[in-house]
Protein backbone atom coordinates (compact mmCIF):
# COMPACT_ATOMS: atom_id res chain seq x y z
CA MET A 1 -6.92 -30.66 5.85
CA ALA A 2 -5.71 -31.73 2.39
CA GLN A 3 -9.26 -31.36 0.96
CA ALA A 4 -9.21 -27.70 2.46
CA LEU A 5 -6.07 -26.89 1.05
CA GLU A 6 -7.08 -28.04 -2.43
CA THR A 7 -9.81 -25.20 -2.33
CA ILE A 8 -6.86 -22.57 -2.56
CA PRO A 9 -6.20 -21.76 -6.09
CA ASN A 10 -2.53 -21.90 -6.92
CA ASN A 11 -0.02 -22.37 -9.92
CA VAL A 12 2.87 -23.78 -7.73
CA ASP A 13 1.76 -27.35 -7.65
CA LEU A 14 1.05 -27.70 -3.92
CA SER A 15 0.07 -31.18 -3.88
CA SER A 16 3.29 -32.37 -5.07
CA ASP A 17 5.26 -31.15 -2.15
CA ARG A 18 3.98 -32.99 0.95
CA ARG A 19 6.39 -31.29 3.37
CA LEU A 20 5.20 -27.70 2.17
CA GLN A 21 1.55 -28.70 2.05
CA ARG A 22 1.74 -30.12 5.75
CA ALA A 23 3.39 -26.71 6.69
CA LEU A 24 0.67 -24.77 5.15
CA GLU A 25 -1.97 -27.04 6.77
CA GLN A 26 -0.64 -26.08 10.07
CA TRP A 27 -0.76 -22.34 9.11
CA GLN A 28 -4.12 -22.11 7.27
CA PRO A 29 -6.33 -22.54 10.49
CA ASN A 30 -4.24 -19.91 12.28
CA PHE A 31 -4.85 -17.41 9.39
CA LEU A 32 -8.52 -18.07 9.41
CA GLN A 33 -8.55 -17.41 13.15
CA TRP A 34 -6.59 -14.23 12.71
CA TRP A 35 -9.00 -13.20 9.86
CA ASN A 36 -12.06 -13.80 11.99
CA GLU A 37 -10.59 -12.02 15.09
CA VAL A 38 -9.15 -8.89 13.39
CA GLY A 39 -10.48 -8.82 9.93
CA PRO A 40 -13.41 -6.53 8.67
CA ASP A 41 -15.76 -6.21 11.77
CA GLY A 42 -19.50 -7.10 11.64
CA PHE A 43 -19.38 -8.31 7.72
CA GLN A 44 -18.18 -11.86 7.74
CA ALA A 45 -21.48 -13.43 6.96
CA HIS A 46 -22.35 -10.75 4.21
CA GLN A 47 -22.29 -12.04 0.50
CA ILE A 48 -19.79 -9.75 -1.13
CA TYR A 49 -19.60 -9.03 -4.90
CA LEU A 50 -15.61 -9.85 -5.21
CA ARG A 51 -13.01 -10.40 -7.48
CA THR A 52 -11.03 -13.83 -6.98
CA ALA A 53 -8.01 -14.82 -8.64
CA ILE A 54 -8.00 -18.37 -9.78
CA SER A 55 -5.20 -18.21 -12.37
CA VAL A 56 -2.65 -15.75 -13.66
CA GLU A 57 -4.22 -15.75 -17.23
CA ALA A 58 -6.36 -12.46 -18.21
CA ASN A 59 -9.59 -14.52 -17.95
CA GLY A 60 -8.58 -16.16 -14.64
CA TRP A 61 -7.10 -13.40 -12.36
CA ALA A 62 -10.45 -11.32 -12.35
CA HIS A 63 -13.39 -13.70 -11.67
CA PHE A 64 -16.38 -11.98 -10.05
CA ASP A 65 -18.95 -13.38 -7.85
CA PHE A 66 -20.62 -13.13 -4.54
CA VAL A 67 -18.81 -14.80 -1.57
CA ARG A 68 -18.54 -14.47 2.04
CA MET A 69 -15.04 -13.42 3.16
CA PRO A 70 -14.12 -15.98 5.23
CA GLU A 71 -14.88 -18.35 2.27
CA TYR A 72 -12.82 -16.38 -0.07
CA ARG A 73 -10.47 -18.45 -2.01
CA TRP A 74 -6.99 -17.09 -1.09
CA GLY A 75 -4.44 -18.27 -3.73
CA ILE A 76 -0.91 -18.65 -4.28
CA PHE A 77 0.17 -17.29 -7.69
CA LEU A 78 3.52 -16.79 -9.50
CA GLU A 79 3.96 -15.15 -13.06
CA PRO A 80 4.96 -17.93 -15.72
CA LYS A 81 8.88 -18.46 -15.50
CA GLU A 82 10.78 -16.78 -18.12
CA LYS A 83 13.11 -19.31 -20.01
CA GLU A 84 16.87 -18.55 -19.46
CA ARG A 85 16.09 -15.28 -17.40
CA VAL A 86 19.42 -13.67 -16.12
CA ILE A 87 20.01 -11.25 -13.20
CA GLY A 88 19.61 -7.77 -14.76
CA PHE A 89 21.59 -5.39 -12.59
CA GLY A 90 24.28 -5.12 -9.93
CA ASP A 91 27.57 -7.03 -9.60
CA VAL A 92 26.04 -10.20 -10.83
CA ILE A 93 24.55 -8.86 -13.92
CA GLY A 94 24.23 -11.51 -16.56
CA ALA A 95 24.30 -14.44 -14.06
CA PRO A 96 21.36 -16.85 -14.03
CA VAL A 97 18.58 -16.04 -11.78
CA TRP A 98 18.35 -18.27 -8.60
CA GLU A 99 15.63 -20.55 -8.14
CA GLU A 100 16.70 -21.14 -4.40
CA VAL A 101 18.02 -18.80 -1.77
CA PRO A 102 21.93 -18.44 -1.97
CA GLY A 103 23.32 -19.05 1.39
CA GLU A 104 25.15 -15.57 1.35
CA HIS A 105 21.85 -13.74 0.76
CA ARG A 106 19.45 -15.95 2.91
CA ASN A 107 19.13 -13.35 5.87
CA ALA A 108 18.85 -10.25 3.63
CA LEU A 109 16.14 -12.07 1.55
CA ARG A 110 14.35 -13.29 4.51
CA ARG A 111 14.29 -9.62 6.02
CA ILE A 112 13.08 -8.22 2.68
CA ILE A 113 10.25 -10.84 2.43
CA VAL A 114 9.26 -10.40 5.98
CA THR A 115 9.07 -6.58 5.81
CA GLN A 116 6.78 -6.87 2.79
CA ALA A 117 4.67 -9.52 4.18
CA ASP A 118 4.00 -7.70 7.49
CA THR A 119 2.45 -4.84 5.70
CA GLU A 120 -0.31 -6.87 4.26
CA PRO A 121 -2.08 -8.00 7.43
CA ALA A 122 -1.33 -4.81 9.07
CA SER A 123 -3.57 -2.93 6.64
CA VAL A 124 -6.49 -5.23 7.35
CA GLU A 125 -6.23 -4.61 10.96
CA GLN A 126 -6.04 -0.98 10.44
CA GLN A 127 -9.16 -0.79 8.19
CA ARG A 128 -11.06 -3.51 10.45
CA MET A 129 -13.98 -0.99 11.65
CA LEU A 130 -14.36 1.12 8.48
CA GLY A 131 -17.11 -1.02 7.04
CA LYS A 132 -19.58 0.40 9.85
CA THR A 133 -19.14 3.95 8.47
CA CYS A 134 -19.17 3.22 4.69
CA PRO A 135 -20.20 6.35 2.64
CA SER A 136 -21.71 3.82 0.08
CA MET A 137 -22.25 0.20 -0.81
CA TYR A 138 -19.94 0.84 -3.62
CA ASP A 139 -17.07 2.01 -1.33
CA LEU A 140 -17.88 -0.84 1.13
CA ARG A 141 -17.37 -3.49 -1.65
CA ASN A 142 -14.08 -1.93 -2.65
CA LEU A 143 -12.82 -1.76 0.97
CA PHE A 144 -13.58 -5.43 1.11
CA GLN A 145 -11.66 -6.21 -2.03
CA VAL A 146 -8.74 -4.36 -0.80
CA ASN A 147 -8.98 -6.29 2.30
CA VAL A 148 -9.16 -9.80 0.83
CA GLU A 149 -6.28 -8.98 -1.68
CA GLU A 150 -4.07 -8.03 1.25
CA GLY A 151 -4.86 -11.36 2.66
CA ARG A 152 -3.91 -13.07 -0.58
CA HIS A 153 -0.73 -10.93 -0.71
CA LEU A 154 0.08 -12.16 2.80
CA TRP A 155 -0.42 -15.91 1.37
CA ALA A 156 2.03 -15.08 -1.40
CA MET A 157 4.86 -14.06 0.81
CA VAL A 158 3.98 -16.81 3.38
CA TYR A 159 4.23 -19.46 0.65
CA LEU A 160 7.73 -18.01 -0.05
CA LEU A 161 8.84 -18.15 3.74
CA HIS A 162 7.58 -21.65 4.00
CA ARG A 163 8.76 -23.17 0.53
CA PHE A 164 12.32 -21.59 0.86
CA PHE A 165 13.55 -20.84 4.33
CA GLY A 166 12.77 -23.91 6.51
CA ARG A 167 12.10 -23.73 10.20
CA ASP A 168 13.04 -19.90 10.19
CA GLY A 169 10.53 -19.21 7.43
CA ARG A 170 7.68 -21.09 9.37
CA GLU A 171 8.43 -19.20 12.53
CA GLU A 172 8.38 -15.99 10.78
CA ALA A 173 5.08 -16.73 8.96
CA ASP A 174 3.65 -17.62 12.43
CA GLU A 175 4.88 -14.05 13.83
CA LEU A 176 3.24 -12.52 10.97
CA LEU A 177 -0.23 -13.68 12.54
CA GLN A 178 0.87 -12.48 16.05
CA ARG A 179 1.90 -8.95 15.60
CA ARG A 180 -0.89 -6.51 15.56
CA SER A 181 -1.30 -3.01 14.12
CA GLY A 182 -0.89 -0.27 16.79
CA SER A 183 0.06 -2.84 19.58
CA SER A 184 2.29 -1.64 22.45
CA ASP A 185 3.73 -5.11 22.82
CA LYS A 186 3.87 -6.50 19.27
CA PRO A 187 3.43 -3.73 16.75
CA ARG A 188 3.73 -4.08 12.96
CA ILE A 189 7.34 -3.28 11.66
CA LEU A 190 6.81 -0.29 9.91
CA ASN A 191 5.37 2.93 11.61
CA ALA A 192 2.81 3.82 8.95
CA PHE A 193 1.24 0.43 9.53
CA ASN A 194 0.64 1.29 13.26
CA GLU A 195 -1.49 4.51 12.46
CA PRO A 196 -5.09 4.40 13.15
CA ILE A 197 -7.39 4.32 10.14
CA ASP A 198 -10.74 5.19 11.84
CA ASP A 199 -12.38 7.38 8.94
CA TRP A 200 -12.42 6.93 5.31
CA LEU A 201 -10.66 10.28 4.28
CA SER A 202 -7.72 8.44 6.17
CA PHE A 203 -8.35 5.25 4.15
CA PHE A 204 -8.56 6.94 0.84
CA MET A 205 -5.26 8.78 1.72
CA PHE A 206 -3.79 5.40 2.96
CA THR A 207 -4.73 3.58 -0.37
CA MET A 208 -3.45 6.56 -2.56
CA PHE A 209 -0.11 7.22 -0.71
CA THR A 210 1.01 4.42 1.53
CA ASP A 211 -0.13 1.65 -0.86
CA ARG A 212 1.49 3.36 -3.75
CA ASP A 213 4.59 2.98 -1.73
CA GLY A 214 3.74 -0.82 -1.96
CA LYS A 215 3.50 -0.52 -5.65
CA TYR A 216 7.12 0.79 -5.84
CA GLN A 217 8.71 -1.62 -3.40
CA LEU A 218 6.82 -4.43 -5.20
CA ALA A 219 8.20 -3.14 -8.58
CA ALA A 220 11.80 -2.95 -7.15
CA LEU A 221 11.43 -6.76 -6.07
CA ALA A 222 10.02 -7.76 -9.43
CA GLN A 223 13.54 -6.96 -10.64
CA SER A 224 15.10 -9.58 -8.36
CA GLY A 225 17.52 -12.04 -9.06
CA PHE A 226 15.72 -14.62 -6.76
CA ASP A 227 13.23 -15.63 -9.26
CA PRO A 228 10.36 -16.85 -7.09
CA LEU A 229 10.31 -13.44 -5.52
CA ALA A 230 10.21 -11.62 -8.82
CA ARG A 231 7.47 -13.85 -10.22
CA THR A 232 5.38 -13.37 -6.97
CA THR A 233 5.62 -9.75 -7.03
CA ARG A 234 4.86 -9.17 -10.61
CA PHE A 235 1.62 -11.02 -10.01
CA MET A 236 0.77 -8.86 -6.74
CA LEU A 237 1.44 -5.74 -8.81
CA THR A 238 -1.63 -6.65 -10.94
CA GLU A 239 -4.00 -6.47 -7.96
CA GLU A 240 -2.17 -3.67 -6.10
CA ALA A 241 -3.44 -1.54 -9.15
CA HIS A 242 -6.90 -1.55 -7.73
CA HIS A 243 -6.08 -0.40 -4.33
CA LEU A 244 -4.43 2.62 -6.10
CA PHE A 245 -7.50 3.02 -7.99
CA VAL A 246 -9.43 3.07 -4.79
CA GLY A 247 -7.40 5.74 -3.13
CA GLU A 248 -6.93 8.13 -6.17
CA THR A 249 -10.49 8.14 -7.15
CA GLY A 250 -11.73 8.12 -3.49
CA VAL A 251 -9.83 11.45 -2.86
CA ASP A 252 -10.94 12.85 -6.16
CA ARG A 253 -14.69 12.38 -5.17
CA ILE A 254 -13.94 13.99 -1.82
CA VAL A 255 -12.29 16.76 -3.82
CA GLN A 256 -15.25 16.94 -6.40
CA ARG A 257 -17.99 17.39 -3.72
CA CYS A 258 -15.80 19.99 -1.74
CA ALA A 259 -15.50 21.72 -5.07
CA GLU A 260 -19.21 21.66 -5.97
CA LEU A 261 -20.08 23.28 -2.75
CA MET A 262 -17.59 26.10 -3.08
CA ALA A 263 -18.42 26.78 -6.52
CA ALA A 264 -21.94 27.09 -5.60
CA GLY A 265 -21.05 29.57 -2.60
CA LYS A 266 -21.71 26.99 -0.06
CA ASP A 267 -19.37 26.33 2.97
CA PRO A 268 -18.33 22.65 2.58
CA ARG A 269 -17.88 22.20 6.30
CA ALA A 270 -21.29 23.42 7.11
CA SER A 271 -22.75 21.23 4.20
CA GLY A 272 -21.34 18.13 5.89
CA ALA A 273 -18.37 17.79 3.33
CA VAL A 274 -14.71 17.85 3.97
CA PRO A 275 -13.30 21.38 3.45
CA PHE A 276 -10.38 22.04 1.17
CA GLU A 277 -7.82 22.84 3.92
CA LEU A 278 -8.49 19.70 5.66
CA ILE A 279 -7.97 17.66 2.50
CA GLN A 280 -4.64 19.53 2.33
CA LYS A 281 -3.63 18.63 5.90
CA TYR A 282 -4.47 15.00 5.09
CA ILE A 283 -2.39 14.88 2.27
CA ASN A 284 0.47 16.51 3.93
CA PHE A 285 0.22 13.83 6.77
CA TRP A 286 -0.07 10.64 4.57
CA PHE A 287 2.33 11.55 2.12
CA SER A 288 5.04 12.44 4.63
CA LEU A 289 4.44 9.30 6.54
CA SER A 290 4.68 7.30 3.32
CA LEU A 291 7.79 8.79 2.39
CA ASP A 292 9.33 7.21 5.37
CA LEU A 293 8.61 3.78 4.17
CA PHE A 294 11.30 3.84 1.39
CA GLY A 295 14.10 4.33 3.94
CA GLY A 296 17.02 6.73 4.67
CA GLU A 297 18.12 8.83 1.81
CA VAL A 298 21.73 7.35 2.06
CA SER A 299 21.79 3.61 2.74
CA SER A 300 24.36 0.84 2.72
CA ASN A 301 21.72 -1.69 2.82
CA ALA A 302 20.27 -0.53 -0.15
CA ALA A 303 23.48 -0.47 -1.90
CA ASP A 304 24.05 -4.01 -0.97
CA PHE A 305 20.80 -5.22 -2.04
CA PHE A 306 21.28 -3.49 -5.56
CA ALA A 307 25.01 -4.80 -5.96
CA SER A 308 24.03 -8.51 -5.00
CA GLY A 309 20.94 -8.52 -7.38
CA LEU A 310 18.38 -8.65 -4.64
CA LYS A 311 16.52 -5.34 -5.46
CA GLY A 312 16.55 -3.23 -8.55
CA ARG A 313 15.31 0.13 -9.43
CA PHE A 314 11.83 0.93 -10.79
CA ARG A 315 11.49 -0.78 -14.07
CA GLU A 316 15.32 -1.52 -14.18
CA ASP A 317 14.72 -3.46 -17.14
CA THR A 318 13.93 -0.39 -19.21
CA LEU A 319 17.07 1.66 -18.18
CA GLU A 320 19.99 2.17 -20.20
CA GLU A 321 22.92 0.98 -17.58
CA HIS A 322 22.27 -1.35 -14.70
CA LYS A 323 25.58 -1.25 -12.64
CA ALA A 324 25.18 2.16 -11.25
CA VAL A 325 29.14 2.31 -10.73
CA GLY A 326 30.90 5.52 -10.84
CA GLN A 327 27.83 7.50 -10.84
CA THR A 328 26.53 9.81 -8.11
CA TYR A 329 23.42 11.45 -6.86
CA ARG A 330 23.02 14.80 -5.74
CA MET A 331 20.91 15.66 -2.74
CA GLU A 332 20.65 18.19 -0.24
CA VAL A 333 20.97 17.55 3.65
CA PRO A 334 20.98 19.31 6.86
CA GLU A 335 24.20 20.03 8.22
CA ALA A 336 25.07 22.32 11.19
CA GLY A 337 21.75 24.30 11.00
CA LYS A 338 21.61 24.54 7.17
CA LEU A 339 21.26 22.59 3.85
CA VAL A 340 24.21 21.52 2.12
CA GLU A 341 24.51 19.67 -1.30
CA GLN A 342 26.19 16.34 -1.17
CA GLU A 343 27.31 14.03 -3.93
CA VAL A 344 26.40 10.36 -2.95
CA PRO A 345 27.47 7.24 -4.56
CA LEU A 346 24.43 6.32 -6.57
CA ARG A 347 24.22 2.99 -5.30
CA ASN A 348 23.99 4.32 -1.72
CA ALA A 349 21.06 6.51 -2.78
CA MET A 350 18.92 3.88 -4.26
CA ASN A 351 16.13 4.46 -1.76
CA GLU A 352 15.90 8.02 -2.99
CA VAL A 353 16.01 6.95 -6.64
CA LEU A 354 12.93 4.80 -5.87
CA ARG A 355 11.30 7.71 -3.99
CA ASP A 356 11.91 10.21 -6.94
CA GLU A 357 9.62 7.74 -9.09
CA TYR A 358 7.07 7.68 -6.21
CA VAL A 359 7.00 11.37 -5.94
CA LYS A 360 6.30 11.87 -9.49
CA ASP A 361 3.52 9.36 -9.35
CA CYS A 362 1.91 10.93 -6.64
CA GLN A 363 2.18 14.19 -8.27
CA ARG A 364 0.11 12.81 -11.26
CA GLY A 365 -2.70 12.02 -8.88
CA LEU A 366 -2.53 15.73 -7.43
CA ASP A 367 -2.69 16.98 -10.91
CA ARG A 368 -5.81 14.90 -11.43
CA TRP A 369 -7.48 16.26 -8.23
CA ASN A 370 -6.61 20.04 -9.06
CA LYS A 371 -8.24 19.53 -12.53
CA THR A 372 -11.28 18.49 -10.75
CA LEU A 373 -11.28 21.61 -8.72
CA GLN A 374 -10.82 23.56 -11.98
CA LYS A 375 -13.42 21.78 -13.69
CA ALA A 376 -16.02 22.75 -11.04
CA GLY A 377 -14.99 26.46 -11.34
CA VAL A 378 -12.80 26.80 -8.19
CA LYS A 379 -10.16 29.31 -8.76
CA GLY A 380 -7.09 30.39 -6.79
CA MET A 381 -6.94 27.09 -4.91
CA THR A 382 -4.56 24.17 -5.36
CA LEU A 383 -3.67 20.96 -3.58
CA ARG A 384 -0.09 20.43 -3.35
CA LEU A 385 2.40 17.78 -2.12
CA PRO A 386 4.52 19.16 0.73
CA HIS A 387 8.40 19.04 0.21
CA ARG A 388 9.87 15.77 0.86
CA ARG A 389 11.66 17.06 3.97
CA PHE A 390 8.58 18.05 5.63
CA HIS A 391 7.48 15.81 8.65
CA ARG A 392 9.93 13.05 8.31
CA SER A 393 10.80 10.41 10.93
CA VAL A 394 13.34 8.31 8.99
CA GLY A 395 16.79 9.86 7.25
CA PRO A 396 18.90 13.03 7.75
CA CYS A 397 15.70 15.10 8.33
CA ALA A 398 14.19 13.10 11.13
CA GLY A 399 14.27 14.93 14.34
CA LEU A 400 14.62 18.28 12.50
CA PHE A 401 11.86 20.93 11.61
CA PHE A 402 10.78 21.87 8.04
CA ASP A 403 7.89 23.85 6.61
CA PRO A 404 5.95 22.37 3.64
CA ASP A 405 8.26 24.23 1.28
CA GLY A 406 11.20 22.17 2.67
CA LYS A 407 12.76 25.31 4.60
CA LEU A 408 14.68 24.48 7.73
CA ILE A 409 12.95 26.08 10.80
CA SER A 410 13.02 25.97 14.39
CA GLU A 411 10.80 23.59 16.72
CA ALA A 412 9.15 26.51 18.07
CA GLU A 413 8.24 27.74 14.51
CA PHE A 414 7.07 24.33 13.63
CA LYS A 415 4.99 24.00 16.78
CA ALA A 416 3.53 27.46 16.37
CA GLN A 417 2.27 26.56 12.80
CA GLU A 418 1.93 22.69 13.24
CA GLY A 419 -2.21 23.05 13.41
CA GLU A 420 -2.08 24.82 9.83
CA TRP A 421 -0.14 21.95 8.45
CA LEU A 422 -1.20 18.73 9.86
CA PRO A 423 -4.50 17.40 11.04
CA THR A 424 -5.44 18.44 14.73
CA ALA A 425 -7.53 16.39 17.24
CA GLU A 426 -10.26 18.92 16.27
CA ASP A 427 -10.02 18.06 12.45
CA ARG A 428 -10.03 14.42 13.08
CA ALA A 429 -13.19 14.57 15.17
CA PHE A 430 -14.87 16.69 12.49
CA VAL A 431 -13.99 14.23 9.88
CA LYS A 432 -15.29 11.27 12.12
CA SER A 433 -18.36 13.19 12.67
CA LEU A 434 -18.99 12.88 9.09
CA MET A 435 -18.81 9.08 9.00
CA HIS A 436 -22.42 7.72 8.90
CA PRO A 437 -23.04 4.72 7.10
CA VAL A 438 -24.94 4.82 3.96
CA VAL A 439 -25.91 1.33 2.58
CA GLU A 440 -28.89 2.02 0.32
CA PRO A 441 -27.58 1.03 -3.17
CA GLY A 442 -26.81 3.98 -5.40
CA LYS A 443 -26.77 6.61 -2.40
CA MET A 444 -23.81 8.52 -1.33
CA ALA A 445 -22.76 10.16 1.94
CA SER A 446 -22.86 13.88 1.80
CA TRP A 447 -19.18 14.18 1.78
CA VAL A 448 -18.30 12.16 -1.38
CA ALA A 449 -19.48 12.44 -4.96
CA ALA A 450 -20.69 9.35 -6.80
CA PRO A 451 -18.26 7.48 -8.91
CA PRO A 452 -18.59 7.79 -12.84
CA LYS A 453 -19.34 4.13 -13.26
CA GLY A 454 -19.75 0.72 -11.04
CA ILE A 455 -17.76 -2.24 -10.76
CA ASN A 456 -17.24 -4.92 -13.57
CA GLY A 457 -19.83 -3.22 -15.74
CA MET A 458 -22.39 -3.31 -12.98
CA PRO A 459 -24.45 0.12 -12.34
CA ILE A 460 -23.68 2.22 -9.40
CA GLU A 461 -27.12 1.10 -7.80
CA PHE A 462 -26.01 -2.46 -7.92
CA GLU A 463 -26.33 -4.33 -4.26
CA TYR A 464 -22.51 -5.03 -4.04
CA VAL A 465 -22.91 -6.17 -0.53
CA ARG A 466 -25.95 -8.48 0.46
CA PRO A 467 -26.90 -9.23 4.05
CA PRO A 468 -26.29 -12.76 5.36
CA ASP A 469 -29.92 -14.02 4.77
CA ALA A 470 -30.18 -12.56 1.13
């Protein structure tokens, strides 16, 4: 097994820690078994044109070549250590960062790492069957790139659990391979990662909105006083950018195809494309589902994580102050059937502060899609984000009913219009009816426009996925 472990690129000097090496030797075959059981179905023997990280340097983290996914070299990488780095926020600001887990923060750090780690295999499971209905070979390759990188991110988190949390960490790492997305017995920890993703519109929305939550969670952890976690998540962010690219450009190409047909006076639905109103419904669904991933608007846990130096704000190191003491955050919350303004201590509003940055980033993506509509000559139609109170299952708005403008309404009013705001069973069936595989190089499904360029300088017509006998 030592030989097999040496095939895993790393910059954490695995071979010098025999105890850690033995623990990972026991975990590795279980990971490969999980990958073969619930990873991409039907393509494990195909040769995929994938990017593989072999180091953190600019010329090392983006090495492209054909590889079979089970043979992908999942690596463990941490950004280079900053000399004399200190904790940059909270009550411990200015103290040296921790190279080992402080005893008083052991449970909180383990919870943070496990929750992040659980999302990585979950998304692979959610996307397991998508390869069979790919809209193009270009998209098929991008799906598999996302999948293998989620696998690498799982390795990154499992390394932390094994290296710093002893037996508890090893048990948590094993549990990560035993939970299953959508399982009634052992579901994934966060609700969004138990949602089925059985069509490509959902996949692009997921990588646009749900993976974007991942960007902001990782960015907050990249500020952590626990240095190995900060260094790990900084490198994960480098790869996460591709997942967001897949989602944002994927939806943009769906919008472009819809807009081209409308500008030509054609009905997108009748032409085998996704109509405007359905795109909006899927935005409403996946955006609201992803908002829940930040947690409640008022959170003592978020306050504790910030005060203790475990989790900062987005780009904390660029802010002017880093203690968030004596400051408040104003928010509207439902109370006795109406919305009232509340002043919340800033530390208790850290989830909402992070969510603010997320919403602004999502709006930038919507602006791009609306420019695509305008460029095609479609007038009077604008895609929009629903209000953050709409369709929430976490926080003070959970269990209440709001319209997409954030207006508090009755359950009866919501139910009467739910089908106009969120995908219905008929909507989902229509989208699935469009999902016919297109695997001829350079060809695209009827519901999506071609991308402007290929991958790594290759043409769009390049054979990004080759059959096993190629």
